[in-house]
Amino acid sequence: MAEEKQSYSGRARKKIVEVNPKPNKGLTSKVIDFVENLIVKFMYDSSLPHHYLSGNFALVREETPPITDILVKGHLPLRTIIQFSISS
């Protein structure tokens, strides 16, 4: 069972549990992997462009240099600043 500690705020902290899955490579798993690989092999057409790499999501040819004195209009709400300072 996970060890619990009391923090200064009164909330209980739980121990982090490491997830280390060990996949089962049985006959069913191998058959499903084989069928999936066949579907991908016959359905994938490398001559077509990737739709998710077009428009605003296309690769950029040039990057702009970083700016140190950028003009920012507006402000962060005080509530956001307080929540950020409490959580860090």
PDB file of N, CA and C in Angstrom:
ATOM      1  N   MET A   1       0.839  -1.179   0.000  1.00  0.00           N
ATOM      2  CA  MET A   1       0.000   0.000   0.000  1.00  0.00           C
ATOM      3  C   MET A   1       0.880   1.237   0.000  1.00  0.00           C
ATOM      4  N   ALA A   2       0.430   2.261  -0.656  1.00  0.00           N
ATOM      5  CA  ALA A   2       1.227   3.483  -0.780  1.00  0.00           C
ATOM      6  C   ALA A   2       1.338   4.198   0.564  1.00  0.00           C
ATOM      7  N   GLU A   3       2.517   4.689   0.831  1.00  0.00           N
ATOM      8  CA  GLU A   3       2.759   5.417   2.066  1.00  0.00           C
ATOM      9  C   GLU A   3       2.218   6.831   1.938  1.00  0.00           C
ATOM     10  N   GLU A   4       1.528   7.305   2.961  1.00  0.00           N
ATOM     11  CA  GLU A   4       0.948   8.642   2.927  1.00  0.00           C
ATOM     12  C   GLU A   4       1.655   9.532   3.933  1.00  0.00           C
ATOM     13  N   LYS A   5       1.938  10.761   3.542  1.00  0.00           N
ATOM     14  CA  LYS A   5       2.583  11.730   4.416  1.00  0.00           C
ATOM     15  C   LYS A   5       1.697  12.959   4.510  1.00  0.00           C
ATOM     16  N   GLN A   6       1.711  13.613   5.653  1.00  0.00           N
ATOM     17  CA  GLN A   6       0.963  14.848   5.838  1.00  0.00           C
ATOM     18  C   GLN A   6       1.863  16.016   5.435  1.00  0.00           C
ATOM     19  N   SER A   7       1.370  16.857   4.547  1.00  0.00           N
ATOM     20  CA  SER A   7       2.136  18.033   4.162  1.00  0.00           C
ATOM     21  C   SER A   7       1.732  19.205   5.045  1.00  0.00           C
ATOM     22  N   TYR A   8       2.390  20.328   4.862  1.00  0.00           N
ATOM     23  CA  TYR A   8       2.104  21.506   5.685  1.00  0.00           C
ATOM     24  C   TYR A   8       0.714  22.056   5.441  1.00  0.00           C
ATOM     25  N   SER A   9       0.095  21.729   4.308  1.00  0.00           N
ATOM     26  CA  SER A   9      -1.246  22.246   4.029  1.00  0.00           C
ATOM     27  C   SER A   9      -2.343  21.308   4.547  1.00  0.00           C
ATOM     28  N   GLY A  10      -1.964  20.184   5.122  1.00  0.00           N
ATOM     29  CA  GLY A  10      -2.949  19.273   5.668  1.00  0.00           C
ATOM     30  C   GLY A  10      -3.420  18.218   4.691  1.00  0.00           C
ATOM     31  N   ARG A  11      -2.996  18.294   3.443  1.00  0.00           N
ATOM     32  CA  ARG A  11      -3.404  17.305   2.456  1.00  0.00           C
ATOM     33  C   ARG A  11      -2.486  16.092   2.522  1.00  0.00           C
ATOM     34  N   ALA A  12      -3.032  14.930   2.232  1.00  0.00           N
ATOM     35  CA  ALA A  12      -2.229  13.708   2.234  1.00  0.00           C
ATOM     36  C   ALA A  12      -1.529  13.559   0.889  1.00  0.00           C
ATOM     37  N   ARG A  13      -0.269  13.215   0.933  1.00  0.00           N
ATOM     38  CA  ARG A  13       0.492  12.972  -0.293  1.00  0.00           C
ATOM     39  C   ARG A  13       0.650  11.469  -0.466  1.00  0.00           C
ATOM     40  N   LYS A  14       0.463  11.004  -1.688  1.00  0.00           N
ATOM     41  CA  LYS A  14       0.629   9.589  -1.960  1.00  0.00           C
ATOM     42  C   LYS A  14       1.967   9.359  -2.635  1.00  0.00           C
ATOM     43  N   LYS A  15       2.545   8.210  -2.375  1.00  0.00           N
ATOM     44  CA  LYS A  15       3.806   7.847  -2.975  1.00  0.00           C
ATOM     45  C   LYS A  15       3.604   7.601  -4.465  1.00  0.00           C
ATOM     46  N   ILE A  16       4.560   7.998  -5.279  1.00  0.00           N
ATOM     47  CA  ILE A  16       4.476   7.796  -6.723  1.00  0.00           C
ATOM     48  C   ILE A  16       4.757   6.335  -7.026  1.00  0.00           C
ATOM     49  N   VAL A  17       3.874   5.725  -7.792  1.00  0.00           N
ATOM     50  CA  VAL A  17       4.015   4.322  -8.142  1.00  0.00           C
ATOM     51  C   VAL A  17       4.606   4.237  -9.546  1.00  0.00           C
ATOM     52  N   GLU A  18       5.694   3.513  -9.684  1.00  0.00           N
ATOM     53  CA  GLU A  18       6.341   3.357 -10.985  1.00  0.00           C
ATOM     54  C   GLU A  18       5.575   2.321 -11.808  1.00  0.00           C
ATOM     55  N   VAL A  19       5.256   2.700 -13.043  1.00  0.00           N
ATOM     56  CA  VAL A  19       4.538   1.800 -13.932  1.00  0.00           C
ATOM     57  C   VAL A  19       5.560   1.121 -14.835  1.00  0.00           C
ATOM     58  N   ASN A  20       5.600  -0.179 -14.785  1.00  0.00           N
ATOM     59  CA  ASN A  20       6.545  -0.937 -15.585  1.00  0.00           C
ATOM     60  C   ASN A  20       5.793  -2.099 -16.229  1.00  0.00           C
ATOM     61  N   PRO A  21       5.074  -1.825 -17.352  1.00  0.00           N
ATOM     62  CA  PRO A  21       4.271  -2.882 -17.945  1.00  0.00           C
ATOM     63  C   PRO A  21       5.134  -3.930 -18.646  1.00  0.00           C
ATOM     64  N   LYS A  22       4.706  -5.157 -18.543  1.00  0.00           N
ATOM     65  CA  LYS A  22       5.358  -6.253 -19.244  1.00  0.00           C
ATOM     66  C   LYS A  22       4.321  -6.839 -20.197  1.00  0.00           C
ATOM     67  N   PRO A  23       4.420  -6.481 -21.506  1.00  0.00           N
ATOM     68  CA  PRO A  23       3.408  -6.938 -22.449  1.00  0.00           C
ATOM     69  C   PRO A  23       3.420  -8.451 -22.596  1.00  0.00           C
ATOM     70  N   ASN A  24       2.234  -8.986 -22.751  1.00  0.00           N
ATOM     71  CA  ASN A  24       2.073 -10.414 -22.932  1.00  0.00           C
ATOM     72  C   ASN A  24       2.151 -10.711 -24.423  1.00  0.00           C
ATOM     73  N   LYS A  25       3.129 -11.466 -24.849  1.00  0.00           N
ATOM     74  CA  LYS A  25       3.311 -11.783 -26.264  1.00  0.00           C
ATOM     75  C   LYS A  25       2.797 -13.191 -26.551  1.00  0.00           C
ATOM     76  N   GLY A  26       1.517 -13.371 -26.341  1.00  0.00           N
ATOM     77  CA  GLY A  26       0.892 -14.652 -26.629  1.00  0.00           C
ATOM     78  C   GLY A  26       0.493 -14.743 -28.086  1.00  0.00           C
ATOM     79  N   LEU A  27      -0.168 -15.819 -28.437  1.00  0.00           N
ATOM     80  CA  LEU A  27      -0.589 -16.063 -29.813  1.00  0.00           C
ATOM     81  C   LEU A  27      -1.583 -15.001 -30.283  1.00  0.00           C
ATOM     82  N   THR A  28      -2.526 -14.628 -29.438  1.00  0.00           N
ATOM     83  CA  THR A  28      -3.525 -13.620 -29.800  1.00  0.00           C
ATOM     84  C   THR A  28      -2.864 -12.285 -30.100  1.00  0.00           C
ATOM     85  N   SER A  29      -1.909 -11.893 -29.283  1.00  0.00           N
ATOM     86  CA  SER A  29      -1.212 -10.633 -29.480  1.00  0.00           C
ATOM     87  C   SER A  29      -0.427 -10.637 -30.784  1.00  0.00           C
ATOM     88  N   LYS A  30       0.223 -11.736 -31.093  1.00  0.00           N
ATOM     89  CA  LYS A  30       0.997 -11.831 -32.331  1.00  0.00           C
ATOM     90  C   LYS A  30       0.095 -11.788 -33.556  1.00  0.00           C
ATOM     91  N   VAL A  31      -1.070 -12.428 -33.491  1.00  0.00           N
ATOM     92  CA  VAL A  31      -2.010 -12.407 -34.611  1.00  0.00           C
ATOM     93  C   VAL A  31      -2.540 -10.994 -34.840  1.00  0.00           C
ATOM     94  N   ILE A  32      -2.903 -10.304 -33.765  1.00  0.00           N
ATOM     95  CA  ILE A  32      -3.405  -8.933 -33.881  1.00  0.00           C
ATOM     96  C   ILE A  32      -2.330  -8.019 -34.462  1.00  0.00           C
ATOM     97  N   ASP A  33      -1.079  -8.150 -34.006  1.00  0.00           N
ATOM     98  CA  ASP A  33       0.023  -7.344 -34.554  1.00  0.00           C
ATOM     99  C   ASP A  33       0.225  -7.621 -36.036  1.00  0.00           C
ATOM    100  N   PHE A  34       0.141  -8.891 -36.447  1.00  0.00           N
ATOM    101  CA  PHE A  34       0.316  -9.262 -37.846  1.00  0.00           C
ATOM    102  C   PHE A  34      -0.781  -8.654 -38.717  1.00  0.00           C
ATOM    103  N   VAL A  35      -2.040  -8.750 -38.267  1.00  0.00           N
ATOM    104  CA  VAL A  35      -3.166  -8.194 -39.025  1.00  0.00           C
ATOM    105  C   VAL A  35      -3.035  -6.675 -39.116  1.00  0.00           C
ATOM    106  N   GLU A  36      -2.650  -6.031 -38.038  1.00  0.00           N
ATOM    107  CA  GLU A  36      -2.472  -4.581 -38.040  1.00  0.00           C
ATOM    108  C   GLU A  36      -1.376  -4.168 -39.022  1.00  0.00           C
ATOM    109  N   ASN A  37      -0.259  -4.892 -39.030  1.00  0.00           N
ATOM    110  CA  ASN A  37       0.825  -4.587 -39.960  1.00  0.00           C
ATOM    111  C   ASN A  37       0.387  -4.774 -41.405  1.00  0.00           C
ATOM    112  N   LEU A  38      -0.422  -5.782 -41.688  1.00  0.00           N
ATOM    113  CA  LEU A  38      -0.940  -5.989 -43.045  1.00  0.00           C
ATOM    114  C   LEU A  38      -1.840  -4.839 -43.475  1.00  0.00           C
ATOM    115  N   ILE A  39      -2.716  -4.411 -42.584  1.00  0.00           N
ATOM    116  CA  ILE A  39      -3.628  -3.309 -42.902  1.00  0.00           C
ATOM    117  C   ILE A  39      -2.840  -2.046 -43.208  1.00  0.00           C
ATOM    118  N   VAL A  40      -1.853  -1.740 -42.391  1.00  0.00           N
ATOM    119  CA  VAL A  40      -1.044  -0.543 -42.601  1.00  0.00           C
ATOM    120  C   VAL A  40      -0.270  -0.655 -43.906  1.00  0.00           C
ATOM    121  N   LYS A  41       0.278  -1.834 -44.190  1.00  0.00           N
ATOM    122  CA  LYS A  41       1.072  -2.028 -45.406  1.00  0.00           C
ATOM    123  C   LYS A  41       0.244  -1.812 -46.668  1.00  0.00           C
ATOM    124  N   PHE A  42      -0.985  -2.304 -46.679  1.00  0.00           N
ATOM    125  CA  PHE A  42      -1.812  -2.200 -47.873  1.00  0.00           C
ATOM    126  C   PHE A  42      -2.594  -0.888 -47.960  1.00  0.00           C
ATOM    127  N   MET A  43      -2.833  -0.213 -46.859  1.00  0.00           N
ATOM    128  CA  MET A  43      -3.623   1.019 -46.868  1.00  0.00           C
ATOM    129  C   MET A  43      -2.756   2.274 -47.000  1.00  0.00           C
ATOM    130  N   TYR A  44      -1.499   2.205 -46.623  1.00  0.00           N
ATOM    131  CA  TYR A  44      -0.638   3.389 -46.623  1.00  0.00           C
ATOM    132  C   TYR A  44      -0.124   3.657 -48.024  1.00  0.00           C
ATOM    133  N   ASP A  45      -0.255   4.904 -48.470  1.00  0.00           N
ATOM    134  CA  ASP A  45       0.247   5.312 -49.776  1.00  0.00           C
ATOM    135  C   ASP A  45       1.257   6.431 -49.563  1.00  0.00           C
ATOM    136  N   SER A  46       2.530   6.132 -49.780  1.00  0.00           N
ATOM    137  CA  SER A  46       3.584   7.110 -49.503  1.00  0.00           C
ATOM    138  C   SER A  46       3.629   8.246 -50.528  1.00  0.00           C
ATOM    139  N   SER A  47       2.907   8.104 -51.642  1.00  0.00           N
ATOM    140  CA  SER A  47       2.922   9.170 -52.648  1.00  0.00           C
ATOM    141  C   SER A  47       1.992  10.330 -52.277  1.00  0.00           C
ATOM    142  N   LEU A  48       1.054  10.102 -51.364  1.00  0.00           N
ATOM    143  CA  LEU A  48       0.132  11.156 -50.945  1.00  0.00           C
ATOM    144  C   LEU A  48       0.774  12.012 -49.853  1.00  0.00           C
ATOM    145  N   PRO A  49       0.511  13.334 -49.872  1.00  0.00           N
ATOM    146  CA  PRO A  49       1.074  14.185 -48.818  1.00  0.00           C
ATOM    147  C   PRO A  49       0.334  13.963 -47.496  1.00  0.00           C
ATOM    148  N   HIS A  50       1.023  14.226 -46.424  1.00  0.00           N
ATOM    149  CA  HIS A  50       0.413  14.104 -45.099  1.00  0.00           C
ATOM    150  C   HIS A  50      -0.473  15.316 -44.848  1.00  0.00           C
ATOM    151  N   HIS A  51      -1.765  15.086 -44.584  1.00  0.00           N
ATOM    152  CA  HIS A  51      -2.691  16.199 -44.381  1.00  0.00           C
ATOM    153  C   HIS A  51      -2.398  16.980 -43.110  1.00  0.00           C
ATOM    154  N   TYR A  52      -1.770  16.354 -42.144  1.00  0.00           N
ATOM    155  CA  TYR A  52      -1.504  17.048 -40.882  1.00  0.00           C
ATOM    156  C   TYR A  52      -0.242  17.906 -40.971  1.00  0.00           C
ATOM    157  N   LEU A  53       0.488  17.856 -42.098  1.00  0.00           N
ATOM    158  CA  LEU A  53       1.662  18.700 -42.283  1.00  0.00           C
ATOM    159  C   LEU A  53       1.418  19.756 -43.357  1.00  0.00           C
ATOM    160  N   SER A  54       0.212  20.304 -43.388  1.00  0.00           N
ATOM    161  CA  SER A  54      -0.106  21.314 -44.391  1.00  0.00           C
ATOM    162  C   SER A  54      -0.746  22.523 -43.715  1.00  0.00           C
ATOM    163  N   GLY A  55      -0.833  23.626 -44.440  1.00  0.00           N
ATOM    164  CA  GLY A  55      -1.450  24.833 -43.905  1.00  0.00           C
ATOM    165  C   GLY A  55      -0.625  25.440 -42.786  1.00  0.00           C
ATOM    166  N   ASN A  56      -1.282  25.789 -41.699  1.00  0.00           N
ATOM    167  CA  ASN A  56      -0.584  26.384 -40.553  1.00  0.00           C
ATOM    168  C   ASN A  56       0.362  25.410 -39.862  1.00  0.00           C
ATOM    169  N   PHE A  57       0.196  24.124 -40.122  1.00  0.00           N
ATOM    170  CA  PHE A  57       1.016  23.117 -39.463  1.00  0.00           C
ATOM    171  C   PHE A  57       2.165  22.636 -40.350  1.00  0.00           C
ATOM    172  N   ALA A  58       2.372  23.293 -41.494  1.00  0.00           N
ATOM    173  CA  ALA A  58       3.445  22.904 -42.407  1.00  0.00           C
ATOM    174  C   ALA A  58       4.797  23.252 -41.793  1.00  0.00           C
ATOM    175  N   LEU A  59       5.825  22.591 -42.290  1.00  0.00           N
ATOM    176  CA  LEU A  59       7.172  22.856 -41.814  1.00  0.00           C
ATOM    177  C   LEU A  59       7.600  24.258 -42.235  1.00  0.00           C
ATOM    178  N   VAL A  60       8.365  24.922 -41.396  1.00  0.00           N
ATOM    179  CA  VAL A  60       8.841  26.262 -41.715  1.00  0.00           C
ATOM    180  C   VAL A  60      10.214  26.183 -42.364  1.00  0.00           C
ATOM    181  N   ARG A  61      10.422  27.043 -43.362  1.00  0.00           N
ATOM    182  CA  ARG A  61      11.716  27.048 -44.051  1.00  0.00           C
ATOM    183  C   ARG A  61      12.704  27.959 -43.328  1.00  0.00           C
ATOM    184  N   GLU A  62      12.202  29.025 -42.722  1.00  0.00           N
ATOM    185  CA  GLU A  62      13.068  29.969 -42.010  1.00  0.00           C
ATOM    186  C   GLU A  62      12.472  30.250 -40.638  1.00  0.00           C
ATOM    187  N   GLU A  63      13.327  30.409 -39.657  1.00  0.00           N
ATOM    188  CA  GLU A  63      12.868  30.795 -38.329  1.00  0.00           C
ATOM    189  C   GLU A  63      13.329  32.213 -38.048  1.00  0.00           C
ATOM    190  N   THR A  64      12.510  32.952 -37.324  1.00  0.00           N
ATOM    191  CA  THR A  64      12.896  34.317 -36.965  1.00  0.00           C
ATOM    192  C   THR A  64      13.804  34.280 -35.741  1.00  0.00           C
ATOM    193  N   PRO A  65      14.694  35.246 -35.627  1.00  0.00           N
ATOM    194  CA  PRO A  65      15.576  35.267 -34.457  1.00  0.00           C
ATOM    195  C   PRO A  65      14.781  35.621 -33.196  1.00  0.00           C
ATOM    196  N   PRO A  66      15.272  35.215 -32.034  1.00  0.00           N
ATOM    197  CA  PRO A  66      14.558  35.532 -30.792  1.00  0.00           C
ATOM    198  C   PRO A  66      14.542  37.029 -30.516  1.00  0.00           C
ATOM    199  N   ILE A  67      13.468  37.497 -29.885  1.00  0.00           N
ATOM    200  CA  ILE A  67      13.298  38.917 -29.571  1.00  0.00           C
ATOM    201  C   ILE A  67      13.316  39.073 -28.052  1.00  0.00           C
ATOM    202  N   THR A  68      14.087  40.041 -27.570  1.00  0.00           N
ATOM    203  CA  THR A  68      14.173  40.252 -26.123  1.00  0.00           C
ATOM    204  C   THR A  68      13.235  41.338 -25.633  1.00  0.00           C
ATOM    205  N   ASP A  69      12.892  42.300 -26.470  1.00  0.00           N
ATOM    206  CA  ASP A  69      12.049  43.414 -26.031  1.00  0.00           C
ATOM    207  C   ASP A  69      10.702  43.397 -26.755  1.00  0.00           C
ATOM    208  N   ILE A  70       9.925  42.360 -26.509  1.00  0.00           N
ATOM    209  CA  ILE A  70       8.629  42.217 -27.157  1.00  0.00           C
ATOM    210  C   ILE A  70       7.578  43.018 -26.382  1.00  0.00           C
ATOM    211  N   LEU A  71       6.716  43.696 -27.087  1.00  0.00           N
ATOM    212  CA  LEU A  71       5.661  44.491 -26.475  1.00  0.00           C
ATOM    213  C   LEU A  71       4.471  43.582 -26.164  1.00  0.00           C
ATOM    214  N   VAL A  72       4.061  43.554 -24.911  1.00  0.00           N
ATOM    215  CA  VAL A  72       2.949  42.717 -24.489  1.00  0.00           C
ATOM    216  C   VAL A  72       1.825  43.614 -24.005  1.00  0.00           C
ATOM    217  N   LYS A  73       0.640  43.422 -24.548  1.00  0.00           N
ATOM    218  CA  LYS A  73      -0.530  44.178 -24.106  1.00  0.00           C
ATOM    219  C   LYS A  73      -1.360  43.289 -23.200  1.00  0.00           C
ATOM    220  N   GLY A  74      -1.829  43.844 -22.077  1.00  0.00           N
ATOM    221  CA  GLY A  74      -2.659  43.080 -21.152  1.00  0.00           C
ATOM    222  C   GLY A  74      -1.885  42.681 -19.909  1.00  0.00           C
ATOM    223  N   HIS A  75      -2.517  41.822 -19.109  1.00  0.00           N
ATOM    224  CA  HIS A  75      -1.902  41.382 -17.865  1.00  0.00           C
ATOM    225  C   HIS A  75      -2.468  40.014 -17.484  1.00  0.00           C
ATOM    226  N   LEU A  76      -1.781  39.358 -16.586  1.00  0.00           N
ATOM    227  CA  LEU A  76      -2.289  38.110 -16.038  1.00  0.00           C
ATOM    228  C   LEU A  76      -3.208  38.435 -14.869  1.00  0.00           C
ATOM    229  N   PRO A  77      -4.313  37.722 -14.729  1.00  0.00           N
ATOM    230  CA  PRO A  77      -5.177  37.963 -13.576  1.00  0.00           C
ATOM    231  C   PRO A  77      -4.439  37.632 -12.281  1.00  0.00           C
ATOM    232  N   LEU A  78      -4.706  38.380 -11.241  1.00  0.00           N
ATOM    233  CA  LEU A  78      -4.048  38.186  -9.956  1.00  0.00           C
ATOM    234  C   LEU A  78      -4.278  36.777  -9.429  1.00  0.00           C
ATOM    235  N   ARG A  79      -5.457  36.241  -9.661  1.00  0.00           N
ATOM    236  CA  ARG A  79      -5.792  34.892  -9.191  1.00  0.00           C
ATOM    237  C   ARG A  79      -4.846  33.850  -9.800  1.00  0.00           C
ATOM    238  N   THR A  80      -4.504  34.004 -11.084  1.00  0.00           N
ATOM    239  CA  THR A  80      -3.590  33.086 -11.749  1.00  0.00           C
ATOM    240  C   THR A  80      -2.201  33.190 -11.143  1.00  0.00           C
ATOM    241  N   ILE A  81      -1.737  34.377 -10.866  1.00  0.00           N
ATOM    242  CA  ILE A  81      -0.415  34.576 -10.293  1.00  0.00           C
ATOM    243  C   ILE A  81      -0.349  33.956  -8.903  1.00  0.00           C
ATOM    244  N   ILE A  82      -1.389  34.117  -8.101  1.00  0.00           N
ATOM    245  CA  ILE A  82      -1.413  33.547  -6.750  1.00  0.00           C
ATOM    246  C   ILE A  82      -1.419  32.030  -6.827  1.00  0.00           C
ATOM    247  N   GLN A  83      -2.229  31.450  -7.704  1.00  0.00           N
ATOM    248  CA  GLN A  83      -2.283  29.994  -7.828  1.00  0.00           C
ATOM    249  C   GLN A  83      -0.947  29.439  -8.284  1.00  0.00           C
ATOM    250  N   PHE A  84      -0.268  30.130  -9.201  1.00  0.00           N
ATOM    251  CA  PHE A  84       1.033  29.669  -9.680  1.00  0.00           C
ATOM    252  C   PHE A  84       2.055  29.707  -8.560  1.00  0.00           C
ATOM    253  N   SER A  85       2.055  30.772  -7.755  1.00  0.00           N
ATOM    254  CA  SER A  85       3.042  30.880  -6.689  1.00  0.00           C
ATOM    255  C   SER A  85       2.778  29.869  -5.573  1.00  0.00           C
ATOM    256  N   ILE A  86       1.515  29.516  -5.334  1.00  0.00           N
ATOM    257  CA  ILE A  86       1.198  28.520  -4.302  1.00  0.00           C
ATOM    258  C   ILE A  86       1.612  27.136  -4.751  1.00  0.00           C
ATOM    259  N   SER A  87       1.384  26.802  -6.029  1.00  0.00           N
ATOM    260  CA  SER A  87       1.666  25.455  -6.502  1.00  0.00           C
ATOM    261  C   SER A  87       3.145  25.208  -6.717  1.00  0.00           C
ATOM    262  N   SER A  88       3.975  26.259  -6.862  1.00  0.00           N
ATOM    263  CA  SER A  88       5.390  26.009  -7.074  1.00  0.00           C
ATOM    264  C   SER A  88       6.194  26.069  -5.813  1.00  0.00           C
TER     265      SER A  88
END
